[in-house]
Amino acid sequence: MIAASGLRVEGRLRDVSLELPAGCLAAVLGPNGAGKSTLLQALAGLLPAEGEIRWRGEELRRIPFLDRARILAWVGQESHADFGFPVREVVAQGRYAHREAGHGEDGHGIEEALAAFDLTDLSDRPVTRLSGGERRRVFLARALATGAPIQLWDEPTSHLDVRHGLEVLELANGLKAQGATVLMSLHDLRAAHCFDRVLVLHKGACVAQGPPDEVLTPEVLLEVFGVKARLAQDLILELPR
């Protein structure tokens, strides 16, 4: 569970409150500059913010650093890499806090995370030699390897092809089924139906939140995105079984 009350970041976010229980898949929607990345960074404790943030019922500021790394995983919007570490080593960084807690080498979940994001064949390749989409999958795999019950992903499907984008949403649903809280920012409104809850941000404020079919009304879409909504037959894509 992750919750925030009266969350404010000067000039970027104002009075945002939310509560997402365990076993919840949620999306933050909004136009460019609405505050989506700021909200995720504030919830992750990466930005100074006013208001109250709680992870699993405990105030964020009271949670020791290594405990934070075992409770929450964050994937930023950028996918650049400065050093040419092998892919497997980058994914293994997700287990750092567990090793520091005395779990030895603690290889738990690394191979599974590589396989989940179709990276096994790339596991020995330097991350600097990957495409943008491949690097994106590496950082998502690192987050998955943490085993953290709270996952915050900023634009996780950016740079991904159709199949890998669908796999990200399927994996997020799998984490939800295991009791995790997954919150991600998105631009694609067509994916909103995949989520239990959506939060719509506009100019740093939350203008609506709840089930997608209740929140994404024509009025909200016009106010926030400046587009008119109409019903139309759409192309439905899903992974083969």
C-alpha atoms as a PDB file:
ATOM      1  CA  MET A   1       0.000   0.000   0.000  1.00  0.00           C
ATOM      2  CA  ILE A   2       1.111   3.538  -0.719  1.00  0.00           C
ATOM      3  CA  ALA A   3      -0.710   6.684   0.375  1.00  0.00           C
ATOM      4  CA  ALA A   4      -0.155  10.420   0.251  1.00  0.00           C
ATOM      5  CA  SER A   5      -2.019  13.342   1.748  1.00  0.00           C
ATOM      6  CA  GLY A   6      -1.684  17.004   0.731  1.00  0.00           C
ATOM      7  CA  LEU A   7       1.409  16.282  -1.346  1.00  0.00           C
ATOM      8  CA  ARG A   8       3.097  19.435  -2.674  1.00  0.00           C
ATOM      9  CA  VAL A   9       6.275  20.090  -4.650  1.00  0.00           C
ATOM     10  CA  GLU A  10       6.941  23.784  -5.145  1.00  0.00           C
ATOM     11  CA  GLY A  11       5.889  24.947  -8.588  1.00  0.00           C
ATOM     12  CA  ARG A  12       5.222  21.411  -9.816  1.00  0.00           C
ATOM     13  CA  LEU A  13       2.638  19.613  -7.659  1.00  0.00           C
ATOM     14  CA  ARG A  14      -0.097  20.910  -5.373  1.00  0.00           C
ATOM     15  CA  ASP A  15      -2.274  19.191  -2.777  1.00  0.00           C
ATOM     16  CA  VAL A  16      -2.378  15.721  -4.315  1.00  0.00           C
ATOM     17  CA  SER A  17      -3.829  12.949  -2.155  1.00  0.00           C
ATOM     18  CA  LEU A  18      -4.172   9.272  -3.025  1.00  0.00           C
ATOM     19  CA  GLU A  19      -4.418   5.851  -1.439  1.00  0.00           C
ATOM     20  CA  LEU A  20      -3.554   2.686  -3.342  1.00  0.00           C
ATOM     21  CA  PRO A  21      -3.981  -0.636  -1.516  1.00  0.00           C
ATOM     22  CA  ALA A  22      -1.976  -3.811  -1.928  1.00  0.00           C
ATOM     23  CA  GLY A  23      -3.013  -5.714  -5.033  1.00  0.00           C
ATOM     24  CA  CYS A  24      -3.776  -2.569  -7.035  1.00  0.00           C
ATOM     25  CA  LEU A  25      -2.708  -1.605 -10.556  1.00  0.00           C
ATOM     26  CA  ALA A  26      -2.977   2.151 -11.112  1.00  0.00           C
ATOM     27  CA  ALA A  27      -1.968   4.668 -13.758  1.00  0.00           C
ATOM     28  CA  VAL A  28      -1.177   8.380 -13.652  1.00  0.00           C
ATOM     29  CA  LEU A  29      -2.408  10.156 -16.774  1.00  0.00           C
ATOM     30  CA  GLY A  30      -2.012  13.714 -17.976  1.00  0.00           C
ATOM     31  CA  PRO A  31      -0.466  15.882 -20.702  1.00  0.00           C
ATOM     32  CA  ASN A  32       3.198  16.828 -20.807  1.00  0.00           C
ATOM     33  CA  GLY A  33       4.129  18.942 -17.801  1.00  0.00           C
ATOM     34  CA  ALA A  34       1.116  17.839 -15.754  1.00  0.00           C
ATOM     35  CA  GLY A  35       3.304  16.532 -12.905  1.00  0.00           C
ATOM     36  CA  LYS A  36       3.263  12.774 -13.533  1.00  0.00           C
ATOM     37  CA  SER A  37       7.012  12.218 -13.110  1.00  0.00           C
ATOM     38  CA  THR A  38       7.108  14.658 -10.193  1.00  0.00           C
ATOM     39  CA  LEU A  39       4.399  12.699  -8.393  1.00  0.00           C
ATOM     40  CA  LEU A  40       6.180   9.374  -8.843  1.00  0.00           C
ATOM     41  CA  GLN A  41       9.516  10.816  -7.711  1.00  0.00           C
ATOM     42  CA  ALA A  42       7.912  12.408  -4.655  1.00  0.00           C
ATOM     43  CA  LEU A  43       6.171   9.149  -3.712  1.00  0.00           C
ATOM     44  CA  ALA A  44       9.508   7.359  -4.089  1.00  0.00           C
ATOM     45  CA  GLY A  45      11.200   9.834  -1.748  1.00  0.00           C
ATOM     46  CA  LEU A  46      13.439  11.174  -4.505  1.00  0.00           C
ATOM     47  CA  LEU A  47      12.144  14.765  -4.350  1.00  0.00           C
ATOM     48  CA  PRO A  48      11.654  17.000  -1.314  1.00  0.00           C
ATOM     49  CA  ALA A  49       7.912  17.359  -0.831  1.00  0.00           C
ATOM     50  CA  GLU A  50       5.482  18.740   1.698  1.00  0.00           C
ATOM     51  CA  GLY A  51       2.639  16.611   2.964  1.00  0.00           C
ATOM     52  CA  GLU A  52       2.533  13.058   4.224  1.00  0.00           C
ATOM     53  CA  ILE A  53       3.685   9.923   2.404  1.00  0.00           C
ATOM     54  CA  ARG A  54       3.171   6.433   3.802  1.00  0.00           C
ATOM     55  CA  TRP A  55       4.459   3.120   2.539  1.00  0.00           C
ATOM     56  CA  ARG A  56       2.629   0.108   3.944  1.00  0.00           C
ATOM     57  CA  GLY A  57       1.234   2.305   6.705  1.00  0.00           C
ATOM     58  CA  GLU A  58       4.571   3.746   7.874  1.00  0.00           C
ATOM     59  CA  GLU A  59       5.726   7.327   7.313  1.00  0.00           C
ATOM     60  CA  LEU A  60       8.336   7.445   4.563  1.00  0.00           C
ATOM     61  CA  ARG A  61      10.739   9.617   6.537  1.00  0.00           C
ATOM     62  CA  ARG A  62      10.863   7.002   9.311  1.00  0.00           C
ATOM     63  CA  ILE A  63      11.852   4.102   7.038  1.00  0.00           C
ATOM     64  CA  PRO A  64      15.630   3.375   6.964  1.00  0.00           C
ATOM     65  CA  PHE A  65      17.310   3.571   3.580  1.00  0.00           C
ATOM     66  CA  LEU A  66      17.962  -0.145   3.073  1.00  0.00           C
ATOM     67  CA  ASP A  67      14.427  -0.989   4.140  1.00  0.00           C
ATOM     68  CA  ARG A  68      13.164   1.488   1.560  1.00  0.00           C
ATOM     69  CA  ALA A  69      15.105  -0.332  -1.155  1.00  0.00           C
ATOM     70  CA  ARG A  70      13.417  -3.604  -0.241  1.00  0.00           C
ATOM     71  CA  ILE A  71       9.931  -2.090  -0.054  1.00  0.00           C
ATOM     72  CA  LEU A  72       9.826   0.098  -3.165  1.00  0.00           C
ATOM     73  CA  ALA A  73      11.313  -0.065  -6.669  1.00  0.00           C
ATOM     74  CA  TRP A  74      11.339   2.967  -8.962  1.00  0.00           C
ATOM     75  CA  VAL A  75      12.003   3.100 -12.701  1.00  0.00           C
ATOM     76  CA  GLY A  76      12.685   6.576 -14.053  1.00  0.00           C
ATOM     77  CA  GLN A  77      11.627   7.968 -17.392  1.00  0.00           C
ATOM     78  CA  GLU A  78      15.111   8.030 -18.916  1.00  0.00           C
ATOM     79  CA  SER A  79      16.799   4.865 -20.214  1.00  0.00           C
ATOM     80  CA  HIS A  80      20.361   6.085 -20.753  1.00  0.00           C
ATOM     81  CA  ALA A  81      23.333   4.215 -19.261  1.00  0.00           C
ATOM     82  CA  ASP A  82      26.701   5.790 -18.441  1.00  0.00           C
ATOM     83  CA  PHE A  83      28.734   2.634 -17.827  1.00  0.00           C
ATOM     84  CA  GLY A  84      29.013  -0.553 -19.860  1.00  0.00           C
ATOM     85  CA  PHE A  85      28.066  -3.068 -17.172  1.00  0.00           C
ATOM     86  CA  PRO A  86      26.709  -6.389 -18.481  1.00  0.00           C
ATOM     87  CA  VAL A  87      22.924  -6.620 -18.498  1.00  0.00           C
ATOM     88  CA  ARG A  88      22.886  -9.368 -15.847  1.00  0.00           C
ATOM     89  CA  GLU A  89      24.969  -7.196 -13.505  1.00  0.00           C
ATOM     90  CA  VAL A  90      22.616  -4.233 -13.923  1.00  0.00           C
ATOM     91  CA  VAL A  91      19.597  -6.417 -13.142  1.00  0.00           C
ATOM     92  CA  ALA A  92      21.441  -7.890 -10.145  1.00  0.00           C
ATOM     93  CA  GLN A  93      21.765  -4.382  -8.694  1.00  0.00           C
ATOM     94  CA  GLY A  94      18.115  -4.782  -7.741  1.00  0.00           C
ATOM     95  CA  ARG A  95      19.209  -7.258  -5.053  1.00  0.00           C
ATOM     96  CA  TYR A  96      21.744  -4.907  -3.422  1.00  0.00           C
ATOM     97  CA  ALA A  97      19.626  -4.110  -0.376  1.00  0.00           C
ATOM     98  CA  HIS A  98      18.954  -7.808   0.190  1.00  0.00           C
ATOM     99  CA  ARG A  99      22.679  -8.637   0.070  1.00  0.00           C
ATOM    100  CA  GLU A 100      23.416  -5.817   2.513  1.00  0.00           C
ATOM    101  CA  ALA A 101      20.822  -7.300   4.852  1.00  0.00           C
ATOM    102  CA  GLY A 102      22.945 -10.441   5.077  1.00  0.00           C
ATOM    103  CA  HIS A 103      21.378 -12.609   2.398  1.00  0.00           C
ATOM    104  CA  GLY A 104      24.755 -13.574   0.915  1.00  0.00           C
ATOM    105  CA  GLU A 105      25.039 -13.493  -2.853  1.00  0.00           C
ATOM    106  CA  ASP A 106      21.249 -13.630  -3.033  1.00  0.00           C
ATOM    107  CA  GLY A 107      20.686 -14.448  -6.693  1.00  0.00           C
ATOM    108  CA  HIS A 108      16.956 -14.757  -6.105  1.00  0.00           C
ATOM    109  CA  GLY A 109      14.833 -13.564  -8.985  1.00  0.00           C
ATOM    110  CA  ILE A 110      17.615 -12.359 -11.308  1.00  0.00           C
ATOM    111  CA  GLU A 111      17.285 -15.049 -13.971  1.00  0.00           C
ATOM    112  CA  GLU A 112      13.503 -14.873 -13.691  1.00  0.00           C
ATOM    113  CA  ALA A 113      13.580 -11.098 -14.221  1.00  0.00           C
ATOM    114  CA  LEU A 114      15.838 -11.462 -17.253  1.00  0.00           C
ATOM    115  CA  ALA A 115      13.483 -14.035 -18.768  1.00  0.00           C
ATOM    116  CA  ALA A 116      10.381 -11.990 -17.949  1.00  0.00           C
ATOM    117  CA  PHE A 117      11.660  -9.085 -20.028  1.00  0.00           C
ATOM    118  CA  ASP A 118      13.120 -11.206 -22.842  1.00  0.00           C
ATOM    119  CA  LEU A 119      16.715 -10.386 -21.874  1.00  0.00           C
ATOM    120  CA  THR A 120      18.299 -13.796 -21.310  1.00  0.00           C
ATOM    121  CA  ASP A 121      20.088 -13.794 -24.664  1.00  0.00           C
ATOM    122  CA  LEU A 122      21.371 -10.274 -23.964  1.00  0.00           C
ATOM    123  CA  SER A 123      22.477 -10.924 -20.391  1.00  0.00           C
ATOM    124  CA  ASP A 124      26.241 -10.701 -21.113  1.00  0.00           C
ATOM    125  CA  ARG A 125      26.038  -7.697 -23.419  1.00  0.00           C
ATOM    126  CA  PRO A 126      27.153  -4.273 -22.117  1.00  0.00           C
ATOM    127  CA  VAL A 127      24.067  -2.192 -21.393  1.00  0.00           C
ATOM    128  CA  THR A 128      25.603   0.714 -23.348  1.00  0.00           C
ATOM    129  CA  ARG A 129      25.400  -1.382 -26.525  1.00  0.00           C
ATOM    130  CA  LEU A 130      21.644  -1.860 -26.329  1.00  0.00           C
ATOM    131  CA  SER A 131      18.887   0.024 -28.074  1.00  0.00           C
ATOM    132  CA  GLY A 132      16.707   2.419 -26.098  1.00  0.00           C
ATOM    133  CA  GLY A 133      13.917  -0.136 -25.857  1.00  0.00           C
ATOM    134  CA  GLU A 134      16.273  -2.878 -24.724  1.00  0.00           C
ATOM    135  CA  ARG A 135      17.739  -0.630 -22.020  1.00  0.00           C
ATOM    136  CA  ARG A 136      14.203   0.172 -20.918  1.00  0.00           C
ATOM    137  CA  ARG A 137      13.551  -3.525 -20.379  1.00  0.00           C
ATOM    138  CA  VAL A 138      16.809  -3.865 -18.414  1.00  0.00           C
ATOM    139  CA  PHE A 139      15.795  -1.212 -15.891  1.00  0.00           C
ATOM    140  CA  LEU A 140      12.320  -2.708 -15.569  1.00  0.00           C
ATOM    141  CA  ALA A 141      13.913  -6.118 -14.971  1.00  0.00           C
ATOM    142  CA  ARG A 142      16.088  -4.571 -12.251  1.00  0.00           C
ATOM    143  CA  ALA A 143      12.946  -3.266 -10.545  1.00  0.00           C
ATOM    144  CA  LEU A 144      11.267  -6.659 -10.854  1.00  0.00           C
ATOM    145  CA  ALA A 145      14.315  -8.390  -9.335  1.00  0.00           C
ATOM    146  CA  THR A 146      13.958  -6.346  -6.146  1.00  0.00           C
ATOM    147  CA  GLY A 147      10.806  -8.239  -5.254  1.00  0.00           C
ATOM    148  CA  ALA A 148       9.554  -4.955  -3.792  1.00  0.00           C
ATOM    149  CA  PRO A 149       5.829  -4.882  -2.938  1.00  0.00           C
ATOM    150  CA  ILE A 150       5.529  -1.290  -4.229  1.00  0.00           C
ATOM    151  CA  GLN A 151       6.538  -0.605  -7.831  1.00  0.00           C
ATOM    152  CA  LEU A 152       6.599   2.905  -9.343  1.00  0.00           C
ATOM    153  CA  TRP A 153       7.298   2.964 -13.090  1.00  0.00           C
ATOM    154  CA  ASP A 154       7.568   6.220 -15.050  1.00  0.00           C
ATOM    155  CA  GLU A 155       6.504   5.747 -18.691  1.00  0.00           C
ATOM    156  CA  PRO A 156       7.497   2.044 -18.673  1.00  0.00           C
ATOM    157  CA  THR A 157       6.274   1.362 -22.220  1.00  0.00           C
ATOM    158  CA  SER A 158       8.132   4.246 -23.877  1.00  0.00           C
ATOM    159  CA  HIS A 159      10.577   3.072 -26.590  1.00  0.00           C
ATOM    160  CA  LEU A 160       9.072  -0.433 -26.515  1.00  0.00           C
ATOM    161  CA  ASP A 161       7.564  -2.249 -29.478  1.00  0.00           C
ATOM    162  CA  VAL A 162       3.975  -3.481 -29.335  1.00  0.00           C
ATOM    163  CA  ARG A 163       4.736  -6.968 -27.994  1.00  0.00           C
ATOM    164  CA  HIS A 164       7.091  -5.840 -25.244  1.00  0.00           C
ATOM    165  CA  GLY A 165       4.697  -3.052 -24.269  1.00  0.00           C
ATOM    166  CA  LEU A 166       1.925  -5.607 -23.812  1.00  0.00           C
ATOM    167  CA  GLU A 167       4.283  -7.817 -21.807  1.00  0.00           C
ATOM    168  CA  VAL A 168       4.976  -4.931 -19.418  1.00  0.00           C
ATOM    169  CA  LEU A 169       1.256  -4.546 -18.730  1.00  0.00           C
ATOM    170  CA  GLU A 170       0.870  -8.315 -18.302  1.00  0.00           C
ATOM    171  CA  LEU A 171       3.784  -8.444 -15.847  1.00  0.00           C
ATOM    172  CA  ALA A 172       2.296  -5.544 -13.905  1.00  0.00           C
ATOM    173  CA  ASN A 173      -0.941  -7.508 -13.659  1.00  0.00           C
ATOM    174  CA  GLY A 174       1.041 -10.501 -12.422  1.00  0.00           C
ATOM    175  CA  LEU A 175       2.601  -8.394  -9.669  1.00  0.00           C
ATOM    176  CA  LYS A 176      -0.844  -7.128  -8.730  1.00  0.00           C
ATOM    177  CA  ALA A 177      -2.065 -10.734  -8.439  1.00  0.00           C
ATOM    178  CA  GLN A 178       0.799 -11.377  -6.009  1.00  0.00           C
ATOM    179  CA  GLY A 179      -0.380  -8.492  -3.825  1.00  0.00           C
ATOM    180  CA  ALA A 180       1.925  -5.721  -5.055  1.00  0.00           C
ATOM    181  CA  THR A 181       0.943  -2.085  -5.525  1.00  0.00           C
ATOM    182  CA  VAL A 182       1.931  -0.970  -9.033  1.00  0.00           C
ATOM    183  CA  LEU A 183       1.653   2.674 -10.089  1.00  0.00           C
ATOM    184  CA  MET A 184       2.860   3.825 -13.491  1.00  0.00           C
ATOM    185  CA  SER A 185       2.631   6.966 -15.576  1.00  0.00           C
ATOM    186  CA  LEU A 186       1.334   6.689 -19.131  1.00  0.00           C
ATOM    187  CA  HIS A 187       0.516   8.830 -22.145  1.00  0.00           C
ATOM    188  CA  ASP A 188      -1.586   6.260 -24.003  1.00  0.00           C
ATOM    189  CA  LEU A 189      -5.198   6.680 -22.927  1.00  0.00           C
ATOM    190  CA  ARG A 190      -6.137   3.527 -24.844  1.00  0.00           C
ATOM    191  CA  ALA A 191      -4.359   1.436 -22.196  1.00  0.00           C
ATOM    192  CA  ALA A 192      -6.385   2.929 -19.340  1.00  0.00           C
ATOM    193  CA  HIS A 193      -8.894   0.069 -19.363  1.00  0.00           C
ATOM    194  CA  CYS A 194      -6.118  -2.262 -18.122  1.00  0.00           C
ATOM    195  CA  PHE A 195      -5.991  -0.509 -14.734  1.00  0.00           C
ATOM    196  CA  ASP A 196      -8.025  -0.670 -11.549  1.00  0.00           C
ATOM    197  CA  ARG A 197      -7.630   3.048 -10.902  1.00  0.00           C
ATOM    198  CA  VAL A 198      -6.423   6.063 -12.808  1.00  0.00           C
ATOM    199  CA  LEU A 199      -5.317   9.467 -11.513  1.00  0.00           C
ATOM    200  CA  VAL A 200      -5.598  12.370 -13.929  1.00  0.00           C
ATOM    201  CA  LEU A 201      -3.182  15.241 -13.341  1.00  0.00           C
ATOM    202  CA  HIS A 202      -3.510  18.700 -14.846  1.00  0.00           C
ATOM    203  CA  LYS A 203      -1.178  21.611 -14.089  1.00  0.00           C
ATOM    204  CA  GLY A 204       0.145  19.872 -10.980  1.00  0.00           C
ATOM    205  CA  ALA A 205      -3.241  19.033  -9.468  1.00  0.00           C
ATOM    206  CA  CYS A 206      -5.267  15.829  -9.428  1.00  0.00           C
ATOM    207  CA  VAL A 207      -8.529  16.621 -11.205  1.00  0.00           C
ATOM    208  CA  ALA A 208     -10.021  13.113 -11.051  1.00  0.00           C
ATOM    209  CA  GLN A 209      -9.247   9.644  -9.757  1.00  0.00           C
ATOM    210  CA  GLY A 210     -11.070   6.341  -9.633  1.00  0.00           C
ATOM    211  CA  PRO A 211     -12.006   3.496 -12.017  1.00  0.00           C
ATOM    212  CA  PRO A 212     -11.130   4.445 -15.611  1.00  0.00           C
ATOM    213  CA  ASP A 213     -14.668   4.164 -16.945  1.00  0.00           C
ATOM    214  CA  GLU A 214     -15.852   6.624 -14.296  1.00  0.00           C
ATOM    215  CA  VAL A 215     -12.945   9.056 -14.520  1.00  0.00           C
ATOM    216  CA  LEU A 216     -12.182   9.374 -18.235  1.00  0.00           C
ATOM    217  CA  THR A 217     -15.364  11.209 -19.165  1.00  0.00           C
ATOM    218  CA  PRO A 218     -15.679  13.431 -22.241  1.00  0.00           C
ATOM    219  CA  GLU A 219     -15.675  16.446 -19.907  1.00  0.00           C
ATOM    220  CA  VAL A 220     -12.393  15.454 -18.236  1.00  0.00           C
ATOM    221  CA  LEU A 221     -10.718  14.603 -21.549  1.00  0.00           C
ATOM    222  CA  LEU A 222     -11.701  17.969 -22.998  1.00  0.00           C
ATOM    223  CA  GLU A 223     -10.580  19.908 -19.925  1.00  0.00           C
ATOM    224  CA  VAL A 224      -7.260  18.130 -19.429  1.00  0.00           C
ATOM    225  CA  PHE A 225      -6.172  16.983 -22.885  1.00  0.00           C
ATOM    226  CA  GLY A 226      -8.102  19.391 -25.075  1.00  0.00           C
ATOM    227  CA  VAL A 227      -9.642  16.614 -27.143  1.00  0.00           C
ATOM    228  CA  LYS A 228     -13.202  15.542 -27.828  1.00  0.00           C
ATOM    229  CA  ALA A 229     -14.095  11.920 -27.073  1.00  0.00           C
ATOM    230  CA  ARG A 230     -16.302   9.729 -29.205  1.00  0.00           C
ATOM    231  CA  LEU A 231     -17.037   6.019 -29.286  1.00  0.00           C
ATOM    232  CA  ALA A 232     -15.435   4.087 -32.133  1.00  0.00           C
ATOM    233  CA  GLN A 233     -14.487   0.522 -32.919  1.00  0.00           C
ATOM    234  CA  ASP A 234     -10.873   0.045 -31.825  1.00  0.00           C
ATOM    235  CA  LEU A 235      -8.103  -2.423 -32.615  1.00  0.00           C
ATOM    236  CA  ILE A 236      -7.639  -4.766 -29.651  1.00  0.00           C
ATOM    237  CA  LEU A 237      -4.179  -6.289 -29.229  1.00  0.00           C
ATOM    238  CA  GLU A 238      -3.280  -9.093 -26.834  1.00  0.00           C
ATOM    239  CA  LEU A 239      -0.474 -11.598 -26.379  1.00  0.00           C
ATOM    240  CA  PRO A 240      -0.974 -15.069 -27.945  1.00  0.00           C
ATOM    241  CA  ARG A 241      -1.624 -17.976 -25.580  1.00  0.00           C
END
